Amino acid sequence: MRPLLTAAAAAALLFLTGAVPAVADDGDTADRSFTIEDPRITESSGLAASRLHPGVYWTHNDSDDGPYVYAVDSRTGKTVATITMKGVGEPRDVEAISLGPDGNLYVGDIGDNLDGTWDHVWIYRFPEPKQLADATVRATQFDVTYADGARNAEAMMVHPTTGRVYIASKREGGGGLYEGPEKLTAGGANVFRRVGEVPWVTDGAFSPDGKELVLRSYFSARRYAFEGGRLGEDHAVSAPLQGQSESVTYTADGSAMMFGSEGKNSEVARVEVEGGGSKAPSPSGGGGGTTSGDGGDDGVPSKGTATGGAVAVVVIVLALIAAKRRRG
């Protein structure tokens, strides 16, 4: 996916909304805000915090890159390993990455900018490397279909305790949360079934204890209570305004969320989790950020917080999104 907001447009939207998210920068330490320096990574569309390598985040390009996954050190912003997946087809539209409780990385080739022209999409899986070095690994490829028909999606999350895979579809009027089978099966279709309604989102991530699910859009993010495989009460959280808000993950210890964006030298911004760790969100949500109060279907506030100027900018950006979709 190509950038939808220029730096100037993002700054204008920030000015009009008055949104100042609580982004922390702890200096030259792990899990701080950082900039991806690798010139090959221009469309970072997913993030996953490593469990084996503190402070390292796995990411990938959106499209036109090949079967590659990159390990980026948050202390320096430099790529410390490039993983090439073999045993899979040519990736089409890679949008998400998540780490499962089995120690495997799951890569979601789940995008479809033409909204349902592909009758199936793919998930790739391979063990998180124990050593940070360039390597070629054999990945398992899983075919994915939806019980209610093909659709576009950018958010794929593996539950950190059950290992079940969830996908959030992406539509301007709001999407759905889809639950995969208890275990993915290679060599056959893995049917995902709709189990909830969600806003229009670009990525999502479970908290390390699996009790919360954060979903982000271009303009906001929300945390949902998650129990028994179903969504519960949700609250707005702070989210940084970025040129193209594409990714989110929790830090490995659950103390913060890391929000990423596409673009050359894109920033990954740390936002503290209110209350610390993976505790349930307070009724007031994350405080500040781009939204508070009740959220609309597209993540834009439905009352109380949006100024007339902010609404105008949102309308313009949504028009850009529509134009991009028409271009395919």
C-alpha atoms as a PDB file:
ATOM      1  CA  MET A   1       0.000   0.000   0.000  1.00  0.00           C
ATOM      2  CA  ARG A   2       1.336   3.449  -0.913  1.00  0.00           C
ATOM      3  CA  PRO A   3       1.446   6.362   1.548  1.00  0.00           C
ATOM      4  CA  LEU A   4      -1.845   8.246   1.857  1.00  0.00           C
ATOM      5  CA  LEU A   5      -0.679  11.131   4.023  1.00  0.00           C
ATOM      6  CA  THR A   6       2.281  13.364   3.307  1.00  0.00           C
ATOM      7  CA  ALA A   7       4.212  14.750   6.244  1.00  0.00           C
ATOM      8  CA  ALA A   8       2.511  18.099   5.688  1.00  0.00           C
ATOM      9  CA  ALA A   9      -0.948  16.547   5.664  1.00  0.00           C
ATOM     10  CA  ALA A  10      -0.176  14.584   8.808  1.00  0.00           C
ATOM     11  CA  ALA A  11       1.026  17.745  10.524  1.00  0.00           C
ATOM     12  CA  ALA A  12      -2.127  19.573   9.443  1.00  0.00           C
ATOM     13  CA  LEU A  13      -4.319  16.826  10.838  1.00  0.00           C
ATOM     14  CA  LEU A  14      -2.360  16.863  14.089  1.00  0.00           C
ATOM     15  CA  PHE A  15      -2.831  20.637  14.344  1.00  0.00           C
ATOM     16  CA  LEU A  16      -6.550  20.478  13.641  1.00  0.00           C
ATOM     17  CA  THR A  17      -7.325  17.638  16.014  1.00  0.00           C
ATOM     18  CA  GLY A  18      -5.003  18.825  18.761  1.00  0.00           C
ATOM     19  CA  ALA A  19      -4.020  15.194  19.210  1.00  0.00           C
ATOM     20  CA  VAL A  20      -0.798  14.678  21.158  1.00  0.00           C
ATOM     21  CA  PRO A  21      -0.334  10.987  21.983  1.00  0.00           C
ATOM     22  CA  ALA A  22       1.718   9.945  24.986  1.00  0.00           C
ATOM     23  CA  VAL A  23       4.791   8.717  23.134  1.00  0.00           C
ATOM     24  CA  ALA A  24       7.745   7.809  25.337  1.00  0.00           C
ATOM     25  CA  ASP A  25      11.406   7.863  24.329  1.00  0.00           C
ATOM     26  CA  ASP A  26      13.772   6.454  26.926  1.00  0.00           C
ATOM     27  CA  GLY A  27      16.981   7.225  25.131  1.00  0.00           C
ATOM     28  CA  ASP A  28      19.352   4.587  23.776  1.00  0.00           C
ATOM     29  CA  THR A  29      17.563   1.587  25.264  1.00  0.00           C
ATOM     30  CA  ALA A  30      15.564  -1.337  23.919  1.00  0.00           C
ATOM     31  CA  ASP A  31      11.896  -0.923  23.041  1.00  0.00           C
ATOM     32  CA  ARG A  32      12.154   2.838  22.661  1.00  0.00           C
ATOM     33  CA  SER A  33      10.785   4.836  19.747  1.00  0.00           C
ATOM     34  CA  PHE A  34      13.066   4.309  16.762  1.00  0.00           C
ATOM     35  CA  THR A  35      13.461   4.893  13.040  1.00  0.00           C
ATOM     36  CA  ILE A  36      13.834   2.017  10.587  1.00  0.00           C
ATOM     37  CA  GLU A  37      17.069   2.818   8.759  1.00  0.00           C
ATOM     38  CA  ASP A  38      17.195  -0.014   6.232  1.00  0.00           C
ATOM     39  CA  PRO A  39      16.648   1.526   2.750  1.00  0.00           C
ATOM     40  CA  ARG A  40      15.061  -1.754   1.616  1.00  0.00           C
ATOM     41  CA  ILE A  41      12.194  -1.348   4.093  1.00  0.00           C
ATOM     42  CA  THR A  42       9.954   1.284   2.545  1.00  0.00           C
ATOM     43  CA  GLU A  43       6.532  -0.283   3.158  1.00  0.00           C
ATOM     44  CA  SER A  44       6.725  -1.688   6.697  1.00  0.00           C
ATOM     45  CA  SER A  45       3.230  -3.105   7.135  1.00  0.00           C
ATOM     46  CA  GLY A  46       3.506  -5.290  10.237  1.00  0.00           C
ATOM     47  CA  LEU A  47       5.406  -5.523  13.526  1.00  0.00           C
ATOM     48  CA  ALA A  48       6.039  -8.329  15.995  1.00  0.00           C
ATOM     49  CA  ALA A  49       8.179  -8.094  19.123  1.00  0.00           C
ATOM     50  CA  SER A  50      10.749 -10.864  19.377  1.00  0.00           C
ATOM     51  CA  ARG A  51      10.617 -13.125  22.430  1.00  0.00           C
ATOM     52  CA  LEU A  52      14.094 -14.543  21.900  1.00  0.00           C
ATOM     53  CA  HIS A  53      15.911 -11.283  21.198  1.00  0.00           C
ATOM     54  CA  PRO A  54      15.020  -8.383  23.536  1.00  0.00           C
ATOM     55  CA  GLY A  55      14.405  -5.092  21.765  1.00  0.00           C
ATOM     56  CA  VAL A  56      14.207  -6.662  18.299  1.00  0.00           C
ATOM     57  CA  TYR A  57      11.133  -6.268  16.073  1.00  0.00           C
ATOM     58  CA  TRP A  58      10.214  -8.339  13.046  1.00  0.00           C
ATOM     59  CA  THR A  59       8.780  -6.507  10.051  1.00  0.00           C
ATOM     60  CA  HIS A  60       8.262  -6.884   6.298  1.00  0.00           C
ATOM     61  CA  ASN A  61       7.381  -4.862   3.238  1.00  0.00           C
ATOM     62  CA  ASP A  62       3.857  -4.680   1.870  1.00  0.00           C
ATOM     63  CA  SER A  63       4.461  -5.804  -1.724  1.00  0.00           C
ATOM     64  CA  ASP A  64       6.982  -5.948  -4.568  1.00  0.00           C
ATOM     65  CA  ASP A  65       9.714  -7.230  -2.271  1.00  0.00           C
ATOM     66  CA  GLY A  66       9.727 -11.017  -2.266  1.00  0.00           C
ATOM     67  CA  PRO A  67       9.605 -13.572   0.584  1.00  0.00           C
ATOM     68  CA  TYR A  68      11.601 -11.528   3.087  1.00  0.00           C
ATOM     69  CA  VAL A  69      11.223 -10.757   6.780  1.00  0.00           C
ATOM     70  CA  TYR A  70      13.527  -8.351   8.600  1.00  0.00           C
ATOM     71  CA  ALA A  71      14.701  -8.174  12.217  1.00  0.00           C
ATOM     72  CA  VAL A  72      15.234  -4.561  13.312  1.00  0.00           C
ATOM     73  CA  ASP A  73      16.965  -3.589  16.563  1.00  0.00           C
ATOM     74  CA  SER A  74      15.011  -0.841  18.344  1.00  0.00           C
ATOM     75  CA  ARG A  75      18.212   0.471  19.963  1.00  0.00           C
ATOM     76  CA  THR A  76      19.780   1.396  16.638  1.00  0.00           C
ATOM     77  CA  GLY A  77      17.052   1.132  13.998  1.00  0.00           C
ATOM     78  CA  LYS A  78      19.344  -1.141  12.010  1.00  0.00           C
ATOM     79  CA  THR A  79      18.434  -4.455  10.432  1.00  0.00           C
ATOM     80  CA  VAL A  80      20.252  -7.273  12.236  1.00  0.00           C
ATOM     81  CA  ALA A  81      18.897 -10.195  10.198  1.00  0.00           C
ATOM     82  CA  THR A  82      17.155 -10.769   6.875  1.00  0.00           C
ATOM     83  CA  ILE A  83      15.171 -13.986   6.619  1.00  0.00           C
ATOM     84  CA  THR A  84      14.278 -15.421   3.215  1.00  0.00           C
ATOM     85  CA  MET A  85      11.327 -17.811   3.195  1.00  0.00           C
ATOM     86  CA  LYS A  86      11.507 -20.771   0.848  1.00  0.00           C
ATOM     87  CA  GLY A  87       8.811 -23.339   0.113  1.00  0.00           C
ATOM     88  CA  VAL A  88       6.159 -20.649  -0.440  1.00  0.00           C
ATOM     89  CA  GLY A  89       4.725 -19.008  -3.532  1.00  0.00           C
ATOM     90  CA  GLU A  90       5.473 -15.448  -4.599  1.00  0.00           C
ATOM     91  CA  PRO A  91       3.952 -13.159  -1.941  1.00  0.00           C
ATOM     92  CA  ARG A  92       1.211 -10.851  -3.240  1.00  0.00           C
ATOM     93  CA  ASP A  93       0.270  -8.397  -0.498  1.00  0.00           C
ATOM     94  CA  VAL A  94       1.919  -9.108   2.848  1.00  0.00           C
ATOM     95  CA  GLU A  95       0.189  -7.070   5.537  1.00  0.00           C
ATOM     96  CA  ALA A  96       0.826  -8.563   8.982  1.00  0.00           C
ATOM     97  CA  ILE A  97       3.175 -10.559  11.178  1.00  0.00           C
ATOM     98  CA  SER A  98       2.578 -12.136  14.583  1.00  0.00           C
ATOM     99  CA  LEU A  99       4.452 -14.425  16.962  1.00  0.00           C
ATOM    100  CA  GLY A 100       2.621 -17.474  18.265  1.00  0.00           C
ATOM    101  CA  PRO A 101       2.980 -19.331  21.585  1.00  0.00           C
ATOM    102  CA  ASP A 102       4.625 -22.171  19.635  1.00  0.00           C
ATOM    103  CA  GLY A 103       7.624 -19.921  18.943  1.00  0.00           C
ATOM    104  CA  ASN A 104       6.693 -19.570  15.269  1.00  0.00           C
ATOM    105  CA  LEU A 105       6.414 -16.358  13.306  1.00  0.00           C
ATOM    106  CA  TYR A 106       3.208 -16.117  11.261  1.00  0.00           C
ATOM    107  CA  VAL A 107       3.298 -13.890   8.182  1.00  0.00           C
ATOM    108  CA  GLY A 108      -0.057 -12.776   6.749  1.00  0.00           C
ATOM    109  CA  ASP A 109      -0.168 -12.457   2.963  1.00  0.00           C
ATOM    110  CA  ILE A 110      -3.795 -11.395   3.397  1.00  0.00           C
ATOM    111  CA  GLY A 111      -4.188  -8.089   1.567  1.00  0.00           C
ATOM    112  CA  ASP A 112      -6.469  -7.647  -1.438  1.00  0.00           C
ATOM    113  CA  ASN A 113      -6.768  -4.034  -2.528  1.00  0.00           C
ATOM    114  CA  LEU A 114      -9.469  -4.985  -5.038  1.00  0.00           C
ATOM    115  CA  ASP A 115     -11.703  -6.270  -2.221  1.00  0.00           C
ATOM    116  CA  GLY A 116     -12.347  -9.886  -2.982  1.00  0.00           C
ATOM    117  CA  THR A 117     -10.811 -10.648  -6.370  1.00  0.00           C
ATOM    118  CA  TRP A 118      -8.688 -13.455  -4.891  1.00  0.00           C
ATOM    119  CA  ASP A 119     -10.579 -16.546  -3.781  1.00  0.00           C
ATOM    120  CA  HIS A 120      -7.928 -17.316  -1.182  1.00  0.00           C
ATOM    121  CA  VAL A 121      -4.999 -15.715   0.623  1.00  0.00           C
ATOM    122  CA  TRP A 122      -2.040 -17.181   2.495  1.00  0.00           C
ATOM    123  CA  ILE A 123      -0.377 -17.394   5.873  1.00  0.00           C
ATOM    124  CA  TYR A 124       3.280 -18.427   6.098  1.00  0.00           C
ATOM    125  CA  ARG A 125       4.813 -19.905   9.263  1.00  0.00           C
ATOM    126  CA  PHE A 126       8.379 -20.568  10.351  1.00  0.00           C
ATOM    127  CA  PRO A 127      10.212 -20.809  13.705  1.00  0.00           C
ATOM    128  CA  GLU A 128      11.622 -17.578  15.088  1.00  0.00           C
ATOM    129  CA  PRO A 129      15.381 -17.874  14.470  1.00  0.00           C
ATOM    130  CA  LYS A 130      17.484 -18.446  17.576  1.00  0.00           C
ATOM    131  CA  GLN A 131      20.414 -16.595  16.022  1.00  0.00           C
ATOM    132  CA  LEU A 132      20.204 -13.146  14.472  1.00  0.00           C
ATOM    133  CA  ALA A 133      21.881 -13.619  11.110  1.00  0.00           C
ATOM    134  CA  ASP A 134      20.845 -13.601   7.479  1.00  0.00           C
ATOM    135  CA  ALA A 135      19.324 -16.986   6.706  1.00  0.00           C
ATOM    136  CA  THR A 136      17.019 -18.912   4.411  1.00  0.00           C
ATOM    137  CA  VAL A 137      14.311 -20.901   6.176  1.00  0.00           C
ATOM    138  CA  ARG A 138      11.665 -23.333   5.002  1.00  0.00           C
ATOM    139  CA  ALA A 139       8.218 -21.939   5.744  1.00  0.00           C
ATOM    140  CA  THR A 140       4.870 -23.720   5.810  1.00  0.00           C
ATOM    141  CA  GLN A 141       2.198 -22.171   3.605  1.00  0.00           C
ATOM    142  CA  PHE A 142      -1.480 -22.237   4.603  1.00  0.00           C
ATOM    143  CA  ASP A 143      -4.363 -21.414   2.267  1.00  0.00           C
ATOM    144  CA  VAL A 144      -7.000 -19.166   3.866  1.00  0.00           C
ATOM    145  CA  THR A 145     -10.609 -18.603   2.792  1.00  0.00           C
ATOM    146  CA  TYR A 146     -13.533 -16.818   4.497  1.00  0.00           C
ATOM    147  CA  ALA A 147     -16.861 -18.489   5.203  1.00  0.00           C
ATOM    148  CA  ASP A 148     -18.752 -15.441   3.899  1.00  0.00           C
ATOM    149  CA  GLY A 149     -16.660 -14.737   0.812  1.00  0.00           C
ATOM    150  CA  ALA A 150     -13.337 -13.196  -0.130  1.00  0.00           C
ATOM    151  CA  ARG A 151     -12.337  -9.835   1.305  1.00  0.00           C
ATOM    152  CA  ASN A 152      -9.470  -7.459   1.950  1.00  0.00           C
ATOM    153  CA  ALA A 153      -7.615  -7.546   5.287  1.00  0.00           C
ATOM    154  CA  GLU A 154      -4.507  -6.063   6.857  1.00  0.00           C
ATOM    155  CA  ALA A 155      -4.659  -7.278  10.460  1.00  0.00           C
ATOM    156  CA  MET A 156      -3.695 -10.811  11.513  1.00  0.00           C
ATOM    157  CA  MET A 157      -3.149 -11.751  15.148  1.00  0.00           C
ATOM    158  CA  VAL A 158      -2.081 -15.035  16.762  1.00  0.00           C
ATOM    159  CA  HIS A 159      -3.458 -15.479  20.269  1.00  0.00           C
ATOM    160  CA  PRO A 160      -0.503 -15.796  22.675  1.00  0.00           C
ATOM    161  CA  THR A 161      -1.988 -18.611  24.754  1.00  0.00           C
ATOM    162  CA  THR A 162      -4.334 -20.589  22.481  1.00  0.00           C
ATOM    163  CA  GLY A 163      -2.311 -20.160  19.273  1.00  0.00           C
ATOM    164  CA  ARG A 164      -5.489 -19.517  17.314  1.00  0.00           C
ATOM    165  CA  VAL A 165      -5.191 -17.118  14.378  1.00  0.00           C
ATOM    166  CA  TYR A 166      -7.568 -14.180  13.927  1.00  0.00           C
ATOM    167  CA  ILE A 167      -7.928 -11.802  10.984  1.00  0.00           C
ATOM    168  CA  ALA A 168      -9.664  -8.416  10.958  1.00  0.00           C
ATOM    169  CA  SER A 169     -11.072  -7.495   7.544  1.00  0.00           C
ATOM    170  CA  LYS A 170     -10.858  -3.976   6.173  1.00  0.00           C
ATOM    171  CA  ARG A 171     -13.812  -2.052   4.779  1.00  0.00           C
ATOM    172  CA  GLU A 172     -14.528   1.671   4.832  1.00  0.00           C
ATOM    173  CA  GLY A 173     -17.837   1.054   6.601  1.00  0.00           C
ATOM    174  CA  GLY A 174     -16.328  -1.287   9.184  1.00  0.00           C
ATOM    175  CA  GLY A 175     -14.952  -4.798   9.044  1.00  0.00           C
ATOM    176  CA  GLY A 176     -15.255  -8.119  10.793  1.00  0.00           C
ATOM    177  CA  LEU A 177     -13.135 -10.182  13.155  1.00  0.00           C
ATOM    178  CA  TYR A 178     -12.573 -13.660  11.737  1.00  0.00           C
ATOM    179  CA  GLU A 179     -11.533 -16.706  13.735  1.00  0.00           C
ATOM    180  CA  GLY A 180      -9.448 -19.427  12.143  1.00  0.00           C
ATOM    181  CA  PRO A 181      -9.681 -23.154  12.872  1.00  0.00           C
ATOM    182  CA  GLU A 182      -8.217 -24.451  16.112  1.00  0.00           C
ATOM    183  CA  LYS A 183      -5.127 -25.511  14.175  1.00  0.00           C
ATOM    184  CA  LEU A 184      -4.064 -24.466  10.686  1.00  0.00           C
ATOM    185  CA  THR A 185      -3.700 -27.279   8.155  1.00  0.00           C
ATOM    186  CA  ALA A 186      -1.314 -27.305   5.216  1.00  0.00           C
ATOM    187  CA  GLY A 187      -2.566 -28.732   1.928  1.00  0.00           C
ATOM    188  CA  GLY A 188      -6.201 -27.686   2.363  1.00  0.00           C
ATOM    189  CA  ALA A 189      -8.361 -24.624   2.872  1.00  0.00           C
ATOM    190  CA  ASN A 190      -8.426 -23.062   6.336  1.00  0.00           C
ATOM    191  CA  VAL A 191     -11.839 -21.444   6.671  1.00  0.00           C
ATOM    192  CA  PHE A 192     -12.066 -18.313   8.824  1.00  0.00           C
ATOM    193  CA  ARG A 193     -15.488 -17.478  10.283  1.00  0.00           C
ATOM    194  CA  ARG A 194     -16.805 -14.065  11.331  1.00  0.00           C
ATOM    195  CA  VAL A 195     -17.137 -13.789  15.116  1.00  0.00           C
ATOM    196  CA  GLY A 196     -17.314 -10.030  15.693  1.00  0.00           C
ATOM    197  CA  GLU A 197     -17.634  -6.552  14.229  1.00  0.00           C
ATOM    198  CA  VAL A 198     -14.684  -4.161  14.219  1.00  0.00           C
ATOM    199  CA  PRO A 199     -13.882  -0.713  12.793  1.00  0.00           C
ATOM    200  CA  TRP A 200     -11.906  -0.201   9.597  1.00  0.00           C
ATOM    201  CA  VAL A 201      -8.405  -1.234  10.748  1.00  0.00           C
ATOM    202  CA  THR A 202      -4.895  -1.571   9.355  1.00  0.00           C
ATOM    203  CA  ASP A 203      -3.359  -3.811  12.024  1.00  0.00           C
ATOM    204  CA  GLY A 204      -3.879  -5.397  15.410  1.00  0.00           C
ATOM    205  CA  ALA A 205      -2.077  -7.230  18.193  1.00  0.00           C
ATOM    206  CA  PHE A 206      -2.865  -9.201  21.320  1.00  0.00           C
ATOM    207  CA  SER A 207      -1.385  -8.223  24.657  1.00  0.00           C
ATOM    208  CA  PRO A 208       1.178 -10.788  25.884  1.00  0.00           C
ATOM    209  CA  ASP A 209      -1.353 -12.344  28.274  1.00  0.00           C
ATOM    210  CA  GLY A 210      -4.018 -12.530  25.572  1.00  0.00           C
ATOM    211  CA  LYS A 211      -6.591 -10.622  27.601  1.00  0.00           C
ATOM    212  CA  GLU A 212      -6.649  -7.592  25.306  1.00  0.00           C
ATOM    213  CA  LEU A 213      -6.652  -6.935  21.597  1.00  0.00           C
ATOM    214  CA  VAL A 214      -5.562  -3.581  20.191  1.00  0.00           C
ATOM    215  CA  LEU A 215      -6.749  -2.580  16.720  1.00  0.00           C
ATOM    216  CA  ARG A 216      -5.521   0.521  14.921  1.00  0.00           C
ATOM    217  CA  SER A 217      -6.715   2.561  11.975  1.00  0.00           C
ATOM    218  CA  TYR A 218      -5.168   5.552  10.214  1.00  0.00           C
ATOM    219  CA  PHE A 219      -6.571   7.940  12.810  1.00  0.00           C
ATOM    220  CA  SER A 220      -7.025   6.035  16.060  1.00  0.00           C
ATOM    221  CA  ALA A 221      -6.603   2.851  18.059  1.00  0.00           C
ATOM    222  CA  ARG A 222      -8.860   0.934  20.439  1.00  0.00           C
ATOM    223  CA  ARG A 223      -8.232  -1.734  23.062  1.00  0.00           C
ATOM    224  CA  TYR A 224     -10.767  -4.530  23.419  1.00  0.00           C
ATOM    225  CA  ALA A 225     -11.178  -6.931  26.286  1.00  0.00           C
ATOM    226  CA  PHE A 226     -10.772 -10.430  24.843  1.00  0.00           C
ATOM    227  CA  GLU A 227     -12.104 -13.562  26.515  1.00  0.00           C
ATOM    228  CA  GLY A 228     -13.235 -16.921  25.177  1.00  0.00           C
ATOM    229  CA  GLY A 229     -12.315 -15.900  21.666  1.00  0.00           C
ATOM    230  CA  ARG A 230     -14.715 -12.955  21.624  1.00  0.00           C
ATOM    231  CA  LEU A 231     -14.464  -9.183  21.846  1.00  0.00           C
ATOM    232  CA  GLY A 232     -15.580  -7.386  24.991  1.00  0.00           C
ATOM    233  CA  GLU A 233     -15.651  -3.780  26.164  1.00  0.00           C
ATOM    234  CA  ASP A 234     -13.464  -1.407  24.189  1.00  0.00           C
ATOM    235  CA  HIS A 235     -11.762   1.902  24.951  1.00  0.00           C
ATOM    236  CA  ALA A 236      -9.853   4.488  22.949  1.00  0.00           C
ATOM    237  CA  VAL A 237      -6.088   4.613  23.400  1.00  0.00           C
ATOM    238  CA  SER A 238      -3.467   7.139  22.385  1.00  0.00           C
ATOM    239  CA  ALA A 239      -2.093   6.595  18.917  1.00  0.00           C
ATOM    240  CA  PRO A 240       0.591   8.645  17.173  1.00  0.00           C
ATOM    241  CA  LEU A 241      -0.373  10.392  13.965  1.00  0.00           C
ATOM    242  CA  GLN A 242       1.820   8.936  11.228  1.00  0.00           C
ATOM    243  CA  GLY A 243       2.142   9.333   7.468  1.00  0.00           C
ATOM    244  CA  GLN A 244       0.480   5.971   6.875  1.00  0.00           C
ATOM    245  CA  SER A 245      -0.459   4.180  10.072  1.00  0.00           C
ATOM    246  CA  GLU A 246       0.090   0.545   9.185  1.00  0.00           C
ATOM    247  CA  SER A 247       1.237  -1.520  12.160  1.00  0.00           C
ATOM    248  CA  VAL A 248       1.051  -2.091  15.896  1.00  0.00           C
ATOM    249  CA  THR A 249       2.420  -4.583  18.394  1.00  0.00           C
ATOM    250  CA  TYR A 250       2.922  -4.816  22.142  1.00  0.00           C
ATOM    251  CA  THR A 251       6.394  -4.848  23.607  1.00  0.00           C
ATOM    252  CA  ALA A 252       7.364  -8.322  24.823  1.00  0.00           C
ATOM    253  CA  ASP A 253       6.695  -7.331  28.449  1.00  0.00           C
ATOM    254  CA  GLY A 254       3.341  -5.718  27.608  1.00  0.00           C
ATOM    255  CA  SER A 255       4.289  -2.370  29.132  1.00  0.00           C
ATOM    256  CA  ALA A 256       3.840  -0.420  25.896  1.00  0.00           C
ATOM    257  CA  MET A 257       2.539  -0.563  22.355  1.00  0.00           C
ATOM    258  CA  MET A 258       4.725   0.129  19.328  1.00  0.00           C
ATOM    259  CA  PHE A 259       3.033   1.896  16.400  1.00  0.00           C
ATOM    260  CA  GLY A 260       4.625   1.792  12.944  1.00  0.00           C
ATOM    261  CA  SER A 261       4.132   3.389   9.560  1.00  0.00           C
ATOM    262  CA  GLU A 262       5.063   2.829   5.948  1.00  0.00           C
ATOM    263  CA  GLY A 263       7.583   5.001   4.137  1.00  0.00           C
ATOM    264  CA  LYS A 264      11.319   5.420   3.848  1.00  0.00           C
ATOM    265  CA  ASN A 265      12.982   5.825   7.252  1.00  0.00           C
ATOM    266  CA  SER A 266       9.620   5.307   8.922  1.00  0.00           C
ATOM    267  CA  GLU A 267       9.213   5.817  12.660  1.00  0.00           C
ATOM    268  CA  VAL A 268       8.085   3.227  15.173  1.00  0.00           C
ATOM    269  CA  ALA A 269       6.623   5.100  18.151  1.00  0.00           C
ATOM    270  CA  ARG A 270       6.349   3.713  21.676  1.00  0.00           C
ATOM    271  CA  VAL A 271       3.132   4.473  23.586  1.00  0.00           C
ATOM    272  CA  GLU A 272       2.876   3.435  27.220  1.00  0.00           C
ATOM    273  CA  VAL A 273       0.042   1.126  28.231  1.00  0.00           C
ATOM    274  CA  GLU A 274      -2.052   2.900  30.841  1.00  0.00           C
ATOM    275  CA  GLY A 275      -1.716   1.066  34.158  1.00  0.00           C
ATOM    276  CA  GLY A 276       1.366  -0.813  32.905  1.00  0.00           C
ATOM    277  CA  GLY A 277       1.745  -4.378  31.738  1.00  0.00           C
ATOM    278  CA  SER A 278      -1.231  -6.171  30.223  1.00  0.00           C
ATOM    279  CA  LYS A 279      -3.826  -5.100  32.760  1.00  0.00           C
ATOM    280  CA  ALA A 280      -7.387  -4.417  31.647  1.00  0.00           C
ATOM    281  CA  PRO A 281      -7.949  -0.879  30.303  1.00  0.00           C
ATOM    282  CA  SER A 282      -9.484   1.695  32.586  1.00  0.00           C
ATOM    283  CA  PRO A 283     -12.916   3.156  31.741  1.00  0.00           C
ATOM    284  CA  SER A 284     -11.225   6.316  30.523  1.00  0.00           C
ATOM    285  CA  GLY A 285      -9.206   4.381  27.927  1.00  0.00           C
ATOM    286  CA  GLY A 286      -5.714   5.514  26.986  1.00  0.00           C
ATOM    287  CA  GLY A 287      -6.379   9.216  27.480  1.00  0.00           C
ATOM    288  CA  GLY A 288      -5.603  11.791  24.827  1.00  0.00           C
ATOM    289  CA  GLY A 289      -4.644  10.504  21.418  1.00  0.00           C
ATOM    290  CA  THR A 290      -6.699  11.024  18.333  1.00  0.00           C
ATOM    291  CA  THR A 291      -9.974   9.869  19.836  1.00  0.00           C
ATOM    292  CA  SER A 292     -11.842   9.653  23.078  1.00  0.00           C
ATOM    293  CA  GLY A 293     -15.430   8.924  23.890  1.00  0.00           C
ATOM    294  CA  ASP A 294     -17.471   6.804  21.501  1.00  0.00           C
ATOM    295  CA  GLY A 295     -15.837   5.756  18.228  1.00  0.00           C
ATOM    296  CA  GLY A 296     -17.494   5.570  14.832  1.00  0.00           C
ATOM    297  CA  ASP A 297     -17.218   2.691  12.384  1.00  0.00           C
ATOM    298  CA  ASP A 298     -14.037   4.035  10.838  1.00  0.00           C
ATOM    299  CA  GLY A 299     -12.350   4.852  14.128  1.00  0.00           C
ATOM    300  CA  VAL A 300     -13.143   8.575  13.866  1.00  0.00           C
ATOM    301  CA  PRO A 301     -14.816   9.990  16.973  1.00  0.00           C
ATOM    302  CA  SER A 302     -18.597  10.153  16.704  1.00  0.00           C
ATOM    303  CA  LYS A 303     -19.036  12.872  19.299  1.00  0.00           C
ATOM    304  CA  GLY A 304     -17.342  15.313  21.560  1.00  0.00           C
ATOM    305  CA  THR A 305     -13.792  15.535  20.269  1.00  0.00           C
ATOM    306  CA  ALA A 306     -13.589  16.297  16.546  1.00  0.00           C
ATOM    307  CA  THR A 307     -13.405  19.903  15.432  1.00  0.00           C
ATOM    308  CA  GLY A 308     -14.891  21.019  12.137  1.00  0.00           C
ATOM    309  CA  GLY A 309     -11.387  21.316  10.667  1.00  0.00           C
ATOM    310  CA  ALA A 310     -10.465  17.810  11.775  1.00  0.00           C
ATOM    311  CA  VAL A 311     -13.601  16.413  10.178  1.00  0.00           C
ATOM    312  CA  ALA A 312     -12.729  18.181   6.937  1.00  0.00           C
ATOM    313  CA  VAL A 313      -9.243  16.683   6.899  1.00  0.00           C
ATOM    314  CA  VAL A 314     -10.633  13.224   7.632  1.00  0.00           C
ATOM    315  CA  VAL A 315     -13.042  13.579   4.696  1.00  0.00           C
ATOM    316  CA  ILE A 316     -10.145  14.560   2.428  1.00  0.00           C
ATOM    317  CA  VAL A 317      -8.039  11.601   3.548  1.00  0.00           C
ATOM    318  CA  LEU A 318     -10.925   9.186   3.065  1.00  0.00           C
ATOM    319  CA  ALA A 319     -11.329  10.587  -0.439  1.00  0.00           C
ATOM    320  CA  LEU A 320      -7.653   9.805  -1.062  1.00  0.00           C
ATOM    321  CA  ILE A 321      -8.250   6.271   0.143  1.00  0.00           C
ATOM    322  CA  ALA A 322     -11.179   5.896  -2.242  1.00  0.00           C
ATOM    323  CA  ALA A 323      -9.086   7.247  -5.101  1.00  0.00           C
ATOM    324  CA  LYS A 324      -6.321   4.768  -4.325  1.00  0.00           C
ATOM    325  CA  ARG A 325      -8.816   1.904  -4.378  1.00  0.00           C
ATOM    326  CA  ARG A 326     -10.060   2.987  -7.810  1.00  0.00           C
ATOM    327  CA  ARG A 327      -6.463   2.922  -9.082  1.00  0.00           C
ATOM    328  CA  GLY A 328      -6.188  -0.691  -7.819  1.00  0.00           C
END
